[in-house]
Amino acid sequence: MIYNWKIALTNPYFRNRFFTSIIILSVILTGFASLLAYIETRQGHTFYDPILNFIKPRDVSDFIFFVTYSTALIGLVYAFLSPYRFLHLIQMYGSLTLLRIVTLFFIPLEPPITIIPLRDEFLTNIFYAGNENLKDLFFSGHAATLFLFYFFSTNKTLKYLFLVAAVAVSVGVVVQHVHYSYDVIAAPIFAYIAYRLITKFSKHYHNEDLNSDKV
């Protein structure tokens, strides 16, 4: 793994795009955090959701937190084993976050009336500036991120793991009424768009990754 990174970083074509991608992702995440603070202050729309009306809300925050971040950690380790794979992931996640910025800005929503706020210390301290954020709705970031790992992975075992985790978290945020069911249904669609955008325009890295060490 270390050898692969040393070789990749000696390639100026890879090195320039890698550090540029990190900088762009940092800018996107900074803007995303500012947007999240803004959307909490504006009035949004409330949707009728027959699925939520059918499900009695339950607090499954611990389950959502554990599945989301343990799976994401596995995905990051898997990606980091190949520099080309890791570069792809950075670019895909940046694209996914940009899509969330667009949808959150243009689709103002109020949270479900029966919402049980999600306890997520990572989001609260990093992106929510210590505040409770209830309007980070369309589309579900938890579900979309895990679906992105599913589309991104080329390992069959991990692909199955990511899919199970994505579905489990999707069900969890609906059970807790953190999201409308529409937010969750849209998540894999936008995750696939982010995945396709990068694989379409980064064929050089995709081809090299296929020939690198698969895990």
C-alpha atoms as a PDB file:
ATOM      1  CA  MET A   1       0.000   0.000   0.000  1.00  0.00           C
ATOM      2  CA  ILE A   2       2.728   2.505   0.987  1.00  0.00           C
ATOM      3  CA  TYR A   3       4.658   1.596  -2.147  1.00  0.00           C
ATOM      4  CA  ASN A   4       1.579   2.275  -4.297  1.00  0.00           C
ATOM      5  CA  TRP A   5       1.203   5.717  -2.747  1.00  0.00           C
ATOM      6  CA  LYS A   6       4.878   6.535  -3.258  1.00  0.00           C
ATOM      7  CA  ILE A   7       4.641   5.598  -6.922  1.00  0.00           C
ATOM      8  CA  ALA A   8       1.388   7.493  -7.433  1.00  0.00           C
ATOM      9  CA  LEU A   9       2.677  10.669  -5.783  1.00  0.00           C
ATOM     10  CA  THR A  10       5.717  10.717  -8.068  1.00  0.00           C
ATOM     11  CA  ASN A  11       3.290  11.034 -10.984  1.00  0.00           C
ATOM     12  CA  PRO A  12       2.623  14.781 -11.423  1.00  0.00           C
ATOM     13  CA  TYR A  13      -0.661  14.047 -13.222  1.00  0.00           C
ATOM     14  CA  PHE A  14      -1.980  12.162 -10.200  1.00  0.00           C
ATOM     15  CA  ARG A  15      -0.344  14.425  -7.614  1.00  0.00           C
ATOM     16  CA  ASN A  16      -1.836  17.630  -9.025  1.00  0.00           C
ATOM     17  CA  ARG A  17      -5.325  16.192  -9.210  1.00  0.00           C
ATOM     18  CA  PHE A  18      -5.087  14.608  -5.792  1.00  0.00           C
ATOM     19  CA  PHE A  19      -4.171  17.800  -3.935  1.00  0.00           C
ATOM     20  CA  THR A  20      -6.529  19.890  -6.066  1.00  0.00           C
ATOM     21  CA  SER A  21      -9.356  17.493  -5.208  1.00  0.00           C
ATOM     22  CA  ILE A  22      -8.589  17.768  -1.476  1.00  0.00           C
ATOM     23  CA  ILE A  23      -8.646  21.569  -1.654  1.00  0.00           C
ATOM     24  CA  ILE A  24     -11.906  21.606  -3.617  1.00  0.00           C
ATOM     25  CA  LEU A  25     -13.513  19.150  -1.192  1.00  0.00           C
ATOM     26  CA  SER A  26     -12.470  21.332   1.762  1.00  0.00           C
ATOM     27  CA  VAL A  27     -14.075  24.383   0.126  1.00  0.00           C
ATOM     28  CA  ILE A  28     -17.253  22.423  -0.611  1.00  0.00           C
ATOM     29  CA  LEU A  29     -17.520  21.139   2.968  1.00  0.00           C
ATOM     30  CA  THR A  30     -16.964  24.638   4.363  1.00  0.00           C
ATOM     31  CA  GLY A  31     -19.737  25.991   2.157  1.00  0.00           C
ATOM     32  CA  PHE A  32     -21.951  23.055   3.122  1.00  0.00           C
ATOM     33  CA  ALA A  33     -21.557  23.829   6.827  1.00  0.00           C
ATOM     34  CA  SER A  34     -22.568  27.457   6.185  1.00  0.00           C
ATOM     35  CA  LEU A  35     -25.598  26.326   4.194  1.00  0.00           C
ATOM     36  CA  LEU A  36     -26.746  24.044   7.011  1.00  0.00           C
ATOM     37  CA  ALA A  37     -26.711  26.994   9.406  1.00  0.00           C
ATOM     38  CA  TYR A  38     -28.717  29.081   6.921  1.00  0.00           C
ATOM     39  CA  ILE A  39     -31.445  26.541   6.157  1.00  0.00           C
ATOM     40  CA  GLU A  40     -32.304  26.271   9.852  1.00  0.00           C
ATOM     41  CA  THR A  41     -33.371  29.934   9.796  1.00  0.00           C
ATOM     42  CA  ARG A  42     -35.772  29.803   6.836  1.00  0.00           C
ATOM     43  CA  GLN A  43     -39.320  28.591   6.505  1.00  0.00           C
ATOM     44  CA  GLY A  44     -39.817  25.352   4.593  1.00  0.00           C
ATOM     45  CA  HIS A  45     -42.614  23.076   3.433  1.00  0.00           C
ATOM     46  CA  THR A  46     -44.100  20.092   5.225  1.00  0.00           C
ATOM     47  CA  PHE A  47     -44.961  17.022   3.177  1.00  0.00           C
ATOM     48  CA  TYR A  48     -47.651  14.457   3.754  1.00  0.00           C
ATOM     49  CA  ASP A  49     -45.829  11.139   3.991  1.00  0.00           C
ATOM     50  CA  PRO A  50     -48.060   8.048   4.184  1.00  0.00           C
ATOM     51  CA  ILE A  51     -45.113   5.854   5.145  1.00  0.00           C
ATOM     52  CA  LEU A  52     -44.265   7.988   8.184  1.00  0.00           C
ATOM     53  CA  ASN A  53     -47.920   8.049   9.164  1.00  0.00           C
ATOM     54  CA  PHE A  54     -47.881   4.267   9.156  1.00  0.00           C
ATOM     55  CA  ILE A  55     -44.728   3.967  11.328  1.00  0.00           C
ATOM     56  CA  LYS A  56     -44.613   4.899  15.003  1.00  0.00           C
ATOM     57  CA  PRO A  57     -41.372   6.856  15.594  1.00  0.00           C
ATOM     58  CA  ARG A  58     -38.650   5.216  17.656  1.00  0.00           C
ATOM     59  CA  ASP A  59     -35.217   6.489  18.704  1.00  0.00           C
ATOM     60  CA  VAL A  60     -32.609   4.346  16.922  1.00  0.00           C
ATOM     61  CA  SER A  61     -29.843   6.972  16.925  1.00  0.00           C
ATOM     62  CA  ASP A  62     -27.228   4.624  18.357  1.00  0.00           C
ATOM     63  CA  PHE A  63     -27.926   2.043  15.659  1.00  0.00           C
ATOM     64  CA  ILE A  64     -27.745   4.632  12.877  1.00  0.00           C
ATOM     65  CA  PHE A  65     -24.547   6.132  14.281  1.00  0.00           C
ATOM     66  CA  PHE A  66     -22.815   2.765  14.673  1.00  0.00           C
ATOM     67  CA  VAL A  67     -23.762   1.385  11.257  1.00  0.00           C
ATOM     68  CA  THR A  68     -23.015   4.635   9.414  1.00  0.00           C
ATOM     69  CA  TYR A  69     -19.574   5.333  10.812  1.00  0.00           C
ATOM     70  CA  SER A  70     -18.315   1.768  11.146  1.00  0.00           C
ATOM     71  CA  THR A  71     -19.256   1.133   7.521  1.00  0.00           C
ATOM     72  CA  ALA A  72     -17.770   4.447   6.413  1.00  0.00           C
ATOM     73  CA  LEU A  73     -14.515   3.564   8.198  1.00  0.00           C
ATOM     74  CA  ILE A  74     -14.364   0.252   6.346  1.00  0.00           C
ATOM     75  CA  GLY A  75     -15.016   2.097   3.097  1.00  0.00           C
ATOM     76  CA  LEU A  76     -12.261   4.628   3.764  1.00  0.00           C
ATOM     77  CA  VAL A  77      -9.725   1.915   4.571  1.00  0.00           C
ATOM     78  CA  TYR A  78     -10.720   0.022   1.432  1.00  0.00           C
ATOM     79  CA  ALA A  79     -10.327   3.159  -0.681  1.00  0.00           C
ATOM     80  CA  PHE A  80      -7.024   4.165   0.921  1.00  0.00           C
ATOM     81  CA  LEU A  81      -5.372   0.892  -0.093  1.00  0.00           C
ATOM     82  CA  SER A  82      -5.242   2.260  -3.644  1.00  0.00           C
ATOM     83  CA  PRO A  83      -4.330   5.920  -4.292  1.00  0.00           C
ATOM     84  CA  TYR A  84      -6.464   5.933  -7.456  1.00  0.00           C
ATOM     85  CA  ARG A  85      -9.421   4.529  -5.593  1.00  0.00           C
ATOM     86  CA  PHE A  86      -8.987   7.108  -2.814  1.00  0.00           C
ATOM     87  CA  LEU A  87      -8.809   9.950  -5.326  1.00  0.00           C
ATOM     88  CA  HIS A  88     -11.998   8.677  -6.911  1.00  0.00           C
ATOM     89  CA  LEU A  89     -13.733   8.605  -3.531  1.00  0.00           C
ATOM     90  CA  ILE A  90     -12.686  12.173  -2.705  1.00  0.00           C
ATOM     91  CA  GLN A  91     -14.067  13.384  -6.026  1.00  0.00           C
ATOM     92  CA  MET A  92     -17.280  11.370  -5.709  1.00  0.00           C
ATOM     93  CA  TYR A  93     -17.968  12.576  -2.188  1.00  0.00           C
ATOM     94  CA  GLY A  94     -17.322  16.150  -3.258  1.00  0.00           C
ATOM     95  CA  SER A  95     -19.790  15.725  -6.119  1.00  0.00           C
ATOM     96  CA  LEU A  96     -22.356  14.170  -3.777  1.00  0.00           C
ATOM     97  CA  THR A  97     -22.004  17.058  -1.324  1.00  0.00           C
ATOM     98  CA  LEU A  98     -22.432  19.572  -4.149  1.00  0.00           C
ATOM     99  CA  LEU A  99     -25.643  17.820  -5.150  1.00  0.00           C
ATOM    100  CA  ARG A 100     -26.837  18.050  -1.546  1.00  0.00           C
ATOM    101  CA  ILE A 101     -26.033  21.755  -1.459  1.00  0.00           C
ATOM    102  CA  VAL A 102     -28.158  22.312  -4.565  1.00  0.00           C
ATOM    103  CA  THR A 103     -31.124  20.237  -3.374  1.00  0.00           C
ATOM    104  CA  LEU A 104     -31.085  21.637   0.166  1.00  0.00           C
ATOM    105  CA  PHE A 105     -30.982  25.190  -1.152  1.00  0.00           C
ATOM    106  CA  PHE A 106     -33.767  24.813  -3.712  1.00  0.00           C
ATOM    107  CA  ILE A 107     -36.019  22.431  -1.748  1.00  0.00           C
ATOM    108  CA  PRO A 108     -36.715  24.064   1.639  1.00  0.00           C
ATOM    109  CA  LEU A 109     -38.423  21.625   3.982  1.00  0.00           C
ATOM    110  CA  GLU A 110     -39.688  21.564   7.531  1.00  0.00           C
ATOM    111  CA  PRO A 111     -38.911  18.362   9.460  1.00  0.00           C
ATOM    112  CA  PRO A 112     -41.673  15.805  10.056  1.00  0.00           C
ATOM    113  CA  ILE A 113     -43.861  16.854  12.977  1.00  0.00           C
ATOM    114  CA  THR A 114     -43.160  13.548  14.743  1.00  0.00           C
ATOM    115  CA  ILE A 115     -39.373  13.725  14.325  1.00  0.00           C
ATOM    116  CA  ILE A 116     -37.126  12.345  17.045  1.00  0.00           C
ATOM    117  CA  PRO A 117     -33.897  14.347  16.574  1.00  0.00           C
ATOM    118  CA  LEU A 118     -30.942  12.221  15.548  1.00  0.00           C
ATOM    119  CA  ARG A 119     -28.094  12.107  18.052  1.00  0.00           C
ATOM    120  CA  ASP A 120     -24.966  12.278  15.910  1.00  0.00           C
ATOM    121  CA  GLU A 121     -22.014  13.795  17.759  1.00  0.00           C
ATOM    122  CA  PHE A 122     -19.860  13.932  14.630  1.00  0.00           C
ATOM    123  CA  LEU A 123     -22.337  16.002  12.605  1.00  0.00           C
ATOM    124  CA  THR A 124     -23.307  18.145  15.585  1.00  0.00           C
ATOM    125  CA  ASN A 125     -19.732  19.170  16.355  1.00  0.00           C
ATOM    126  CA  ILE A 126     -18.310  19.340  12.817  1.00  0.00           C
ATOM    127  CA  PHE A 127     -21.102  20.591  10.548  1.00  0.00           C
ATOM    128  CA  TYR A 128     -23.872  21.805  12.853  1.00  0.00           C
ATOM    129  CA  ALA A 129     -21.600  24.037  14.982  1.00  0.00           C
ATOM    130  CA  GLY A 130     -22.900  22.420  18.166  1.00  0.00           C
ATOM    131  CA  ASN A 131     -26.531  23.173  17.319  1.00  0.00           C
ATOM    132  CA  GLU A 132     -29.415  20.821  16.656  1.00  0.00           C
ATOM    133  CA  ASN A 133     -30.102  20.707  12.917  1.00  0.00           C
ATOM    134  CA  LEU A 134     -33.494  19.376  11.846  1.00  0.00           C
ATOM    135  CA  LYS A 135     -33.829  20.710   8.290  1.00  0.00           C
ATOM    136  CA  ASP A 136     -30.936  18.809   6.691  1.00  0.00           C
ATOM    137  CA  LEU A 137     -33.496  16.767   4.802  1.00  0.00           C
ATOM    138  CA  PHE A 138     -33.558  16.319   1.027  1.00  0.00           C
ATOM    139  CA  PHE A 139     -31.786  14.125   0.370  1.00  0.00           C
ATOM    140  CA  SER A 140     -30.551  11.895   3.201  1.00  0.00           C
ATOM    141  CA  GLY A 141     -26.793  12.289   3.597  1.00  0.00           C
ATOM    142  CA  HIS A 142     -26.414   9.207   5.787  1.00  0.00           C
ATOM    143  CA  ALA A 143     -28.122   6.953   3.256  1.00  0.00           C
ATOM    144  CA  ALA A 144     -26.536   8.574   0.193  1.00  0.00           C
ATOM    145  CA  THR A 145     -23.005   8.221   1.555  1.00  0.00           C
ATOM    146  CA  LEU A 146     -23.423   4.513   2.194  1.00  0.00           C
ATOM    147  CA  PHE A 147     -25.025   3.982  -1.210  1.00  0.00           C
ATOM    148  CA  LEU A 148     -22.043   5.822  -2.715  1.00  0.00           C
ATOM    149  CA  PHE A 149     -19.721   3.264  -1.114  1.00  0.00           C
ATOM    150  CA  TYR A 150     -21.895   0.534  -2.615  1.00  0.00           C
ATOM    151  CA  PHE A 151     -21.620   1.921  -6.157  1.00  0.00           C
ATOM    152  CA  PHE A 152     -17.944   2.733  -5.691  1.00  0.00           C
ATOM    153  CA  SER A 153     -16.757  -0.658  -4.430  1.00  0.00           C
ATOM    154  CA  THR A 154     -15.466  -3.299  -6.857  1.00  0.00           C
ATOM    155  CA  ASN A 155     -15.181  -5.956  -4.150  1.00  0.00           C
ATOM    156  CA  LYS A 156     -18.258  -8.216  -4.106  1.00  0.00           C
ATOM    157  CA  THR A 157     -18.176  -8.901  -0.359  1.00  0.00           C
ATOM    158  CA  LEU A 158     -17.789  -5.246   0.556  1.00  0.00           C
ATOM    159  CA  LYS A 159     -20.371  -4.265  -2.021  1.00  0.00           C
ATOM    160  CA  TYR A 160     -22.904  -6.498  -0.274  1.00  0.00           C
ATOM    161  CA  LEU A 161     -21.905  -5.074   3.123  1.00  0.00           C
ATOM    162  CA  PHE A 162     -22.322  -1.493   1.922  1.00  0.00           C
ATOM    163  CA  LEU A 163     -25.720  -2.250   0.405  1.00  0.00           C
ATOM    164  CA  VAL A 164     -27.006  -3.894   3.594  1.00  0.00           C
ATOM    165  CA  ALA A 165     -25.709  -0.983   5.672  1.00  0.00           C
ATOM    166  CA  ALA A 166     -27.258   1.594   3.322  1.00  0.00           C
ATOM    167  CA  VAL A 167     -30.656  -0.088   3.454  1.00  0.00           C
ATOM    168  CA  ALA A 168     -30.459  -0.516   7.240  1.00  0.00           C
ATOM    169  CA  VAL A 169     -29.647   3.164   7.809  1.00  0.00           C
ATOM    170  CA  SER A 170     -32.327   4.207   5.319  1.00  0.00           C
ATOM    171  CA  VAL A 171     -34.896   2.252   7.309  1.00  0.00           C
ATOM    172  CA  GLY A 172     -33.508   3.642  10.566  1.00  0.00           C
ATOM    173  CA  VAL A 173     -33.854   7.333   9.662  1.00  0.00           C
ATOM    174  CA  VAL A 174     -37.412   6.701   8.490  1.00  0.00           C
ATOM    175  CA  VAL A 175     -38.295   4.775  11.667  1.00  0.00           C
ATOM    176  CA  GLN A 176     -36.973   7.698  13.723  1.00  0.00           C
ATOM    177  CA  HIS A 177     -38.843  10.169  11.461  1.00  0.00           C
ATOM    178  CA  VAL A 178     -35.571  12.060  10.948  1.00  0.00           C
ATOM    179  CA  HIS A 179     -36.309  12.104   7.205  1.00  0.00           C
ATOM    180  CA  TYR A 180     -39.311  11.845   4.969  1.00  0.00           C
ATOM    181  CA  SER A 181     -39.367   8.612   3.020  1.00  0.00           C
ATOM    182  CA  TYR A 182     -38.859  10.721  -0.134  1.00  0.00           C
ATOM    183  CA  ASP A 183     -35.494  11.887   1.209  1.00  0.00           C
ATOM    184  CA  VAL A 184     -34.354   8.295   1.552  1.00  0.00           C
ATOM    185  CA  ILE A 185     -35.775   7.089  -1.778  1.00  0.00           C
ATOM    186  CA  ALA A 186     -33.874   9.875  -3.562  1.00  0.00           C
ATOM    187  CA  ALA A 187     -30.558   9.106  -1.795  1.00  0.00           C
ATOM    188  CA  PRO A 188     -29.351   6.203  -3.998  1.00  0.00           C
ATOM    189  CA  ILE A 189     -30.338   8.118  -7.142  1.00  0.00           C
ATOM    190  CA  PHE A 190     -28.111  11.068  -6.266  1.00  0.00           C
ATOM    191  CA  ALA A 191     -25.351   8.754  -5.030  1.00  0.00           C
ATOM    192  CA  TYR A 192     -25.368   7.025  -8.404  1.00  0.00           C
ATOM    193  CA  ILE A 193     -25.247  10.376 -10.223  1.00  0.00           C
ATOM    194  CA  ALA A 194     -22.158  11.382  -8.205  1.00  0.00           C
ATOM    195  CA  TYR A 195     -20.578   8.002  -8.908  1.00  0.00           C
ATOM    196  CA  ARG A 196     -21.246   8.203 -12.651  1.00  0.00           C
ATOM    197  CA  LEU A 197     -20.042  11.789 -12.961  1.00  0.00           C
ATOM    198  CA  ILE A 198     -16.591  10.890 -11.692  1.00  0.00           C
ATOM    199  CA  THR A 199     -16.197   7.520 -13.415  1.00  0.00           C
ATOM    200  CA  LYS A 200     -17.254   9.096 -16.714  1.00  0.00           C
ATOM    201  CA  PHE A 201     -14.704  11.889 -16.570  1.00  0.00           C
ATOM    202  CA  SER A 202     -11.907  10.046 -14.747  1.00  0.00           C
ATOM    203  CA  LYS A 203     -11.449   6.966 -16.916  1.00  0.00           C
ATOM    204  CA  HIS A 204      -7.665   7.170 -16.566  1.00  0.00           C
ATOM    205  CA  TYR A 205      -7.888   6.543 -12.821  1.00  0.00           C
ATOM    206  CA  HIS A 206     -10.676   4.006 -13.150  1.00  0.00           C
ATOM    207  CA  ASN A 207      -8.647   1.859 -15.539  1.00  0.00           C
ATOM    208  CA  GLU A 208      -5.531   1.993 -13.383  1.00  0.00           C
ATOM    209  CA  ASP A 209      -7.541   1.114 -10.299  1.00  0.00           C
ATOM    210  CA  LEU A 210      -8.900  -1.994 -11.985  1.00  0.00           C
ATOM    211  CA  ASN A 211      -5.327  -3.178 -12.465  1.00  0.00           C
ATOM    212  CA  SER A 212      -4.243  -2.294  -8.935  1.00  0.00           C
ATOM    213  CA  ASP A 213      -4.507  -4.420  -5.822  1.00  0.00           C
ATOM    214  CA  LYS A 214      -8.155  -5.315  -5.224  1.00  0.00           C
ATOM    215  CA  VAL A 215      -9.321  -6.004  -1.697  1.00  0.00           C
END
